[in-house]
Amino acid sequence: MSKQNKEIDNYHVSYLVIFICYWFYIIKINLIINSVFNFSNVFN
């Protein structure tokens, strides 16, 4: 039973890590898109 609980905990931890990485990835992509968009506006 404790082994099963540990596997469930590991699953939740890995899911949380994936979610955090995904969130940072989206923020990073948004920043890059915004900076590129602002950069193109400077030339227009």
N, C-alpha and C. Protein backbone atom coordinates (compact mmCIF):
# COMPACT_ATOMS: atom_id res chain seq x y z
N MET A 1 0.83 -1.21 0.00
CA MET A 1 0.00 0.00 0.00
C MET A 1 0.87 1.26 0.00
N SER A 2 1.91 1.26 0.81
CA SER A 2 2.79 2.43 0.86
C SER A 2 3.53 2.60 -0.47
N LYS A 3 3.85 1.47 -1.11
CA LYS A 3 4.52 1.55 -2.42
C LYS A 3 3.60 2.21 -3.45
N GLN A 4 2.32 1.84 -3.39
CA GLN A 4 1.36 2.44 -4.32
C GLN A 4 1.21 3.94 -4.06
N ASN A 5 1.17 4.34 -2.80
CA ASN A 5 1.07 5.76 -2.47
C ASN A 5 2.29 6.52 -2.94
N LYS A 6 3.44 5.90 -2.83
CA LYS A 6 4.67 6.56 -3.28
C LYS A 6 4.63 6.76 -4.80
N GLU A 7 4.14 5.79 -5.52
CA GLU A 7 4.03 5.93 -6.98
C GLU A 7 3.06 7.05 -7.35
N ILE A 8 1.98 7.16 -6.60
CA ILE A 8 1.01 8.24 -6.85
C ILE A 8 1.66 9.60 -6.56
N ASP A 9 2.43 9.69 -5.48
CA ASP A 9 3.14 10.93 -5.16
C ASP A 9 4.12 11.29 -6.26
N ASN A 10 4.85 10.31 -6.75
CA ASN A 10 5.81 10.56 -7.83
C ASN A 10 5.09 11.04 -9.08
N TYR A 11 3.93 10.48 -9.34
CA TYR A 11 3.14 10.89 -10.49
C TYR A 11 2.73 12.35 -10.36
N HIS A 12 2.27 12.74 -9.17
CA HIS A 12 1.84 14.12 -8.96
C HIS A 12 3.02 15.08 -9.05
N VAL A 13 4.16 14.70 -8.52
CA VAL A 13 5.34 15.56 -8.58
C VAL A 13 5.78 15.76 -10.02
N SER A 14 5.84 14.69 -10.79
CA SER A 14 6.27 14.80 -12.18
C SER A 14 5.27 15.62 -12.99
N TYR A 15 3.99 15.46 -12.69
CA TYR A 15 2.96 16.23 -13.38
C TYR A 15 3.12 17.72 -13.07
N LEU A 16 3.41 18.03 -11.81
CA LEU A 16 3.61 19.43 -11.40
C LEU A 16 4.83 20.03 -12.08
N VAL A 17 5.91 19.26 -12.15
CA VAL A 17 7.13 19.74 -12.81
C VAL A 17 6.86 20.01 -14.29
N ILE A 18 6.15 19.11 -14.95
CA ILE A 18 5.81 19.29 -16.37
C ILE A 18 4.95 20.54 -16.55
N PHE A 19 3.99 20.73 -15.65
CA PHE A 19 3.11 21.89 -15.73
C PHE A 19 3.90 23.19 -15.57
N ILE A 20 4.82 23.23 -14.60
CA ILE A 20 5.64 24.43 -14.37
C ILE A 20 6.53 24.71 -15.57
N CYS A 21 7.16 23.68 -16.11
CA CYS A 21 8.02 23.85 -17.30
C CYS A 21 7.20 24.35 -18.48
N TYR A 22 6.01 23.80 -18.65
CA TYR A 22 5.12 24.22 -19.73
C TYR A 22 4.73 25.68 -19.57
N TRP A 23 4.43 26.08 -18.32
CA TRP A 23 4.03 27.46 -18.04
C TRP A 23 5.17 28.42 -18.34
N PHE A 24 6.40 28.09 -17.90
CA PHE A 24 7.56 28.94 -18.19
C PHE A 24 7.82 29.01 -19.69
N TYR A 25 7.61 27.90 -20.37
CA TYR A 25 7.81 27.86 -21.82
C TYR A 25 6.84 28.82 -22.52
N ILE A 26 5.58 28.82 -22.11
CA ILE A 26 4.57 29.72 -22.70
C ILE A 26 4.92 31.17 -22.43
N ILE A 27 5.33 31.47 -21.19
CA ILE A 27 5.72 32.85 -20.85
C ILE A 27 6.91 33.28 -21.70
N LYS A 28 7.88 32.41 -21.86
CA LYS A 28 9.07 32.72 -22.64
C LYS A 28 8.71 32.98 -24.10
N ILE A 29 7.85 32.14 -24.67
CA ILE A 29 7.42 32.30 -26.06
C ILE A 29 6.66 33.63 -26.21
N ASN A 30 5.80 33.96 -25.25
CA ASN A 30 5.06 35.22 -25.31
C ASN A 30 6.01 36.41 -25.27
N LEU A 31 7.03 36.34 -24.42
CA LEU A 31 8.00 37.43 -24.34
C LEU A 31 8.76 37.58 -25.65
N ILE A 32 9.14 36.47 -26.25
CA ILE A 32 9.87 36.50 -27.52
C ILE A 32 8.98 37.10 -28.62
N ILE A 33 7.73 36.66 -28.68
CA ILE A 33 6.80 37.17 -29.69
C ILE A 33 6.57 38.67 -29.49
N ASN A 34 6.39 39.08 -28.24
CA ASN A 34 6.18 40.51 -27.97
C ASN A 34 7.40 41.33 -28.34
N SER A 35 8.58 40.85 -28.03
CA SER A 35 9.80 41.60 -28.35
C SER A 35 10.00 41.68 -29.87
N VAL A 36 9.71 40.60 -30.58
CA VAL A 36 9.83 40.61 -32.04
C VAL A 36 8.80 41.56 -32.64
N PHE A 37 7.60 41.54 -32.10
CA PHE A 37 6.54 42.42 -32.60
C PHE A 37 6.92 43.88 -32.36
N ASN A 38 7.43 44.20 -31.18
CA ASN A 38 7.85 45.57 -30.88
C ASN A 38 9.02 45.97 -31.77
N PHE A 39 9.91 45.05 -32.01
CA PHE A 39 11.08 45.32 -32.86
C PHE A 39 10.64 45.64 -34.29
N SER A 40 9.66 44.90 -34.78
CA SER A 40 9.16 45.16 -36.14
C SER A 40 8.39 46.48 -36.19
N ASN A 41 7.75 46.85 -35.09
CA ASN A 41 7.03 48.13 -35.06
C ASN A 41 8.00 49.31 -35.11
N VAL A 42 9.18 49.14 -34.58
CA VAL A 42 10.18 50.21 -34.60
C VAL A 42 10.54 50.55 -36.04
N PHE A 43 10.60 49.55 -36.90
CA PHE A 43 10.99 49.77 -38.29
C PHE A 43 9.84 50.27 -39.17
N ASN A 44 8.62 50.14 -38.67
CA ASN A 44 7.48 50.55 -39.50
C ASN A 44 7.08 51.99 -39.37
